[in-house]
């Protein structure tokens, strides 16, 4: 998976946070051995997406993104 896949999935989820396919694509892309994106940049993308969902009170999406942010930060000082 690539950085473009991650950005596309995040964009789709901004339109409709209940798209299971987009969540699956995002999860696969993030957990791929080489996501094609720096960990710091990925963390920033996820954080920005989470804030947008928070603004719209889409709490399920917020919880899901927090879990992904934790997975990305695993083993770092940010964890």
N, C-alpha and C. Protein backbone atom coordinates (compact mmCIF):
# COMPACT_ATOMS: atom_id res chain seq x y z
N UNK A 1 0.84 -1.18 0.00
CA UNK A 1 0.00 0.00 0.00
C UNK A 1 0.88 1.24 0.00
N UNK A 2 0.30 2.31 -0.38
CA UNK A 2 1.10 3.52 -0.54
C UNK A 2 0.53 4.67 0.27
N UNK A 3 1.29 5.74 0.29
CA UNK A 3 0.84 6.96 0.95
C UNK A 3 -0.44 7.47 0.30
N UNK A 4 -0.56 7.27 -1.00
CA UNK A 4 -1.77 7.71 -1.71
C UNK A 4 -2.99 6.92 -1.22
N UNK A 5 -2.82 5.63 -0.96
CA UNK A 5 -3.91 4.82 -0.44
C UNK A 5 -4.38 5.35 0.91
N UNK A 6 -3.43 5.73 1.74
CA UNK A 6 -3.75 6.27 3.06
C UNK A 6 -4.52 7.57 2.93
N UNK A 7 -4.03 8.46 2.09
CA UNK A 7 -4.71 9.75 1.90
C UNK A 7 -6.10 9.56 1.30
N UNK A 8 -6.23 8.65 0.35
CA UNK A 8 -7.53 8.39 -0.27
C UNK A 8 -8.52 7.85 0.76
N UNK A 9 -8.08 6.89 1.56
CA UNK A 9 -8.95 6.31 2.58
C UNK A 9 -9.39 7.38 3.58
N UNK A 10 -8.46 8.21 4.02
CA UNK A 10 -8.81 9.27 4.96
C UNK A 10 -9.81 10.25 4.35
N UNK A 11 -9.64 10.55 3.08
CA UNK A 11 -10.58 11.44 2.39
C UNK A 11 -11.97 10.84 2.29
N UNK A 12 -12.04 9.56 1.95
CA UNK A 12 -13.33 8.87 1.87
C UNK A 12 -14.02 8.85 3.23
N UNK A 13 -13.23 8.65 4.27
CA UNK A 13 -13.80 8.61 5.61
C UNK A 13 -14.27 9.97 6.08
N UNK A 14 -13.68 11.04 5.57
CA UNK A 14 -14.18 12.37 5.91
C UNK A 14 -15.57 12.58 5.32
N UNK A 15 -15.80 11.99 4.15
CA UNK A 15 -17.12 12.10 3.51
C UNK A 15 -18.14 11.20 4.19
N UNK A 16 -17.72 9.98 4.54
CA UNK A 16 -18.61 9.01 5.16
C UNK A 16 -17.80 8.12 6.10
N UNK A 17 -17.83 8.41 7.39
CA UNK A 17 -17.00 7.66 8.34
C UNK A 17 -17.46 6.21 8.56
N UNK A 18 -18.51 5.80 7.91
CA UNK A 18 -19.00 4.43 8.08
C UNK A 18 -18.63 3.52 6.91
N UNK A 19 -17.68 3.94 6.10
CA UNK A 19 -17.25 3.12 4.95
C UNK A 19 -16.26 2.06 5.43
N UNK A 20 -16.77 0.86 5.62
CA UNK A 20 -15.93 -0.22 6.11
C UNK A 20 -14.75 -0.50 5.18
N UNK A 21 -14.95 -0.39 3.89
CA UNK A 21 -13.86 -0.63 2.94
C UNK A 21 -12.72 0.35 3.12
N UNK A 22 -13.05 1.60 3.37
CA UNK A 22 -12.02 2.62 3.58
C UNK A 22 -11.28 2.36 4.89
N UNK A 23 -11.99 1.94 5.93
CA UNK A 23 -11.33 1.62 7.20
C UNK A 23 -10.38 0.45 7.01
N UNK A 24 -10.84 -0.57 6.26
CA UNK A 24 -9.98 -1.74 6.00
C UNK A 24 -8.74 -1.35 5.20
N UNK A 25 -8.93 -0.54 4.15
CA UNK A 25 -7.79 -0.09 3.35
C UNK A 25 -6.80 0.68 4.20
N UNK A 26 -7.31 1.55 5.06
CA UNK A 26 -6.46 2.36 5.93
C UNK A 26 -5.68 1.48 6.89
N UNK A 27 -6.36 0.54 7.51
CA UNK A 27 -5.70 -0.37 8.46
C UNK A 27 -4.60 -1.17 7.75
N UNK A 28 -4.90 -1.72 6.59
CA UNK A 28 -3.91 -2.50 5.84
C UNK A 28 -2.72 -1.65 5.45
N UNK A 29 -2.98 -0.43 5.00
CA UNK A 29 -1.90 0.45 4.55
C UNK A 29 -0.99 0.83 5.71
N UNK A 30 -1.58 1.09 6.85
CA UNK A 30 -0.80 1.52 8.01
C UNK A 30 0.04 0.38 8.57
N UNK A 31 -0.51 -0.83 8.55
CA UNK A 31 0.21 -1.96 9.12
C UNK A 31 1.13 -2.65 8.12
N UNK A 32 1.15 -2.19 6.88
CA UNK A 32 2.05 -2.76 5.87
C UNK A 32 3.49 -2.50 6.28
N UNK A 33 4.40 -3.44 5.96
CA UNK A 33 5.81 -3.25 6.33
C UNK A 33 6.39 -1.93 5.83
N UNK A 34 6.01 -1.53 4.63
CA UNK A 34 6.49 -0.26 4.09
C UNK A 34 5.28 0.52 3.60
N UNK A 35 4.77 1.38 4.46
CA UNK A 35 3.57 2.15 4.13
C UNK A 35 3.86 3.24 3.11
N UNK A 36 5.14 3.51 2.83
CA UNK A 36 5.47 4.53 1.85
C UNK A 36 5.31 5.95 2.36
N UNK A 37 5.28 6.09 3.68
CA UNK A 37 5.11 7.40 4.29
C UNK A 37 5.84 7.39 5.63
N UNK A 38 6.44 8.50 5.97
CA UNK A 38 7.16 8.60 7.24
C UNK A 38 6.19 8.51 8.40
N UNK A 39 6.63 7.89 9.47
CA UNK A 39 5.79 7.70 10.65
C UNK A 39 5.26 9.04 11.17
N UNK A 40 6.10 10.05 11.21
CA UNK A 40 5.68 11.36 11.71
C UNK A 40 4.60 11.97 10.83
N UNK A 41 4.76 11.86 9.52
CA UNK A 41 3.76 12.40 8.60
C UNK A 41 2.45 11.64 8.74
N UNK A 42 2.53 10.33 8.87
CA UNK A 42 1.33 9.52 9.04
C UNK A 42 0.61 9.91 10.33
N UNK A 43 1.36 10.10 11.40
CA UNK A 43 0.77 10.54 12.65
C UNK A 43 0.04 11.87 12.52
N UNK A 44 0.63 12.79 11.77
CA UNK A 44 0.01 14.10 11.56
C UNK A 44 -1.27 13.98 10.74
N UNK A 45 -1.26 13.12 9.72
CA UNK A 45 -2.46 12.91 8.91
C UNK A 45 -3.59 12.33 9.75
N UNK A 46 -3.27 11.33 10.55
CA UNK A 46 -4.29 10.71 11.39
C UNK A 46 -4.83 11.69 12.42
N UNK A 47 -3.93 12.48 12.99
CA UNK A 47 -4.35 13.47 13.98
C UNK A 47 -5.27 14.51 13.36
N UNK A 48 -4.94 14.99 12.18
CA UNK A 48 -5.78 15.98 11.50
C UNK A 48 -7.16 15.39 11.18
N UNK A 49 -7.16 14.15 10.71
CA UNK A 49 -8.43 13.48 10.41
C UNK A 49 -9.27 13.33 11.68
N UNK A 50 -8.61 12.95 12.77
CA UNK A 50 -9.32 12.78 14.04
C UNK A 50 -9.94 14.09 14.50
N UNK A 51 -9.20 15.17 14.38
CA UNK A 51 -9.72 16.48 14.79
C UNK A 51 -10.94 16.87 13.96
N UNK A 52 -10.92 16.58 12.68
CA UNK A 52 -12.07 16.89 11.83
C UNK A 52 -13.30 16.09 12.27
N UNK A 53 -13.10 14.83 12.60
CA UNK A 53 -14.22 14.01 13.07
C UNK A 53 -14.70 14.48 14.44
N UNK A 54 -13.78 14.91 15.29
CA UNK A 54 -14.17 15.45 16.60
C UNK A 54 -15.07 16.66 16.44
N UNK A 55 -14.72 17.53 15.51
CA UNK A 55 -15.51 18.74 15.26
C UNK A 55 -16.95 18.40 14.88
N UNK A 56 -17.09 17.31 14.14
CA UNK A 56 -18.43 16.89 13.70
C UNK A 56 -19.08 15.88 14.66
N UNK A 57 -18.40 15.63 15.78
CA UNK A 57 -18.90 14.71 16.82
C UNK A 57 -19.16 13.30 16.29
N UNK A 58 -18.26 12.86 15.44
CA UNK A 58 -18.33 11.50 14.89
C UNK A 58 -17.43 10.62 15.76
N UNK A 59 -17.95 10.26 16.92
CA UNK A 59 -17.15 9.65 17.97
C UNK A 59 -16.61 8.27 17.61
N UNK A 60 -17.35 7.48 16.87
CA UNK A 60 -16.83 6.16 16.47
C UNK A 60 -15.58 6.31 15.62
N UNK A 61 -15.60 7.28 14.71
CA UNK A 61 -14.43 7.53 13.87
C UNK A 61 -13.26 8.04 14.71
N UNK A 62 -13.54 8.88 15.69
CA UNK A 62 -12.50 9.40 16.57
C UNK A 62 -11.82 8.26 17.32
N UNK A 63 -12.62 7.35 17.87
CA UNK A 63 -12.07 6.22 18.61
C UNK A 63 -11.23 5.34 17.70
N UNK A 64 -11.72 5.09 16.51
CA UNK A 64 -10.99 4.25 15.55
C UNK A 64 -9.66 4.89 15.18
N UNK A 65 -9.68 6.19 14.93
CA UNK A 65 -8.44 6.88 14.55
C UNK A 65 -7.46 6.94 15.72
N UNK A 66 -7.96 7.09 16.94
CA UNK A 66 -7.06 7.06 18.10
C UNK A 66 -6.34 5.72 18.19
N UNK A 67 -7.06 4.64 17.91
CA UNK A 67 -6.43 3.33 17.90
C UNK A 67 -5.35 3.22 16.84
N UNK A 68 -5.61 3.78 15.67
CA UNK A 68 -4.61 3.76 14.60
C UNK A 68 -3.41 4.63 14.96
N UNK A 69 -3.67 5.78 15.59
CA UNK A 69 -2.57 6.64 16.02
C UNK A 69 -1.69 5.92 17.03
N UNK A 70 -2.31 5.18 17.93
CA UNK A 70 -1.55 4.41 18.92
C UNK A 70 -0.69 3.35 18.23
N UNK A 71 -1.25 2.69 17.24
CA UNK A 71 -0.50 1.66 16.51
C UNK A 71 0.70 2.27 15.80
N UNK A 72 0.52 3.44 15.23
CA UNK A 72 1.62 4.12 14.52
C UNK A 72 2.69 4.56 15.51
N UNK A 73 2.29 4.99 16.69
CA UNK A 73 3.24 5.49 17.69
C UNK A 73 3.88 4.41 18.52
N UNK A 74 3.49 3.16 18.33
CA UNK A 74 4.01 2.06 19.14
C UNK A 74 5.53 2.02 19.10
N UNK A 75 6.11 1.96 20.29
CA UNK A 75 7.56 1.86 20.39
C UNK A 75 8.31 3.17 20.29
N UNK A 76 7.59 4.28 20.18
CA UNK A 76 8.23 5.59 20.10
C UNK A 76 8.00 6.35 21.41
N UNK A 77 8.67 7.46 21.55
CA UNK A 77 8.48 8.30 22.75
C UNK A 77 7.08 8.91 22.78
N UNK A 78 6.46 9.05 21.63
CA UNK A 78 5.11 9.62 21.56
C UNK A 78 4.06 8.67 22.15
N UNK A 79 4.40 7.38 22.16
CA UNK A 79 3.45 6.41 22.67
C UNK A 79 3.18 6.71 24.14
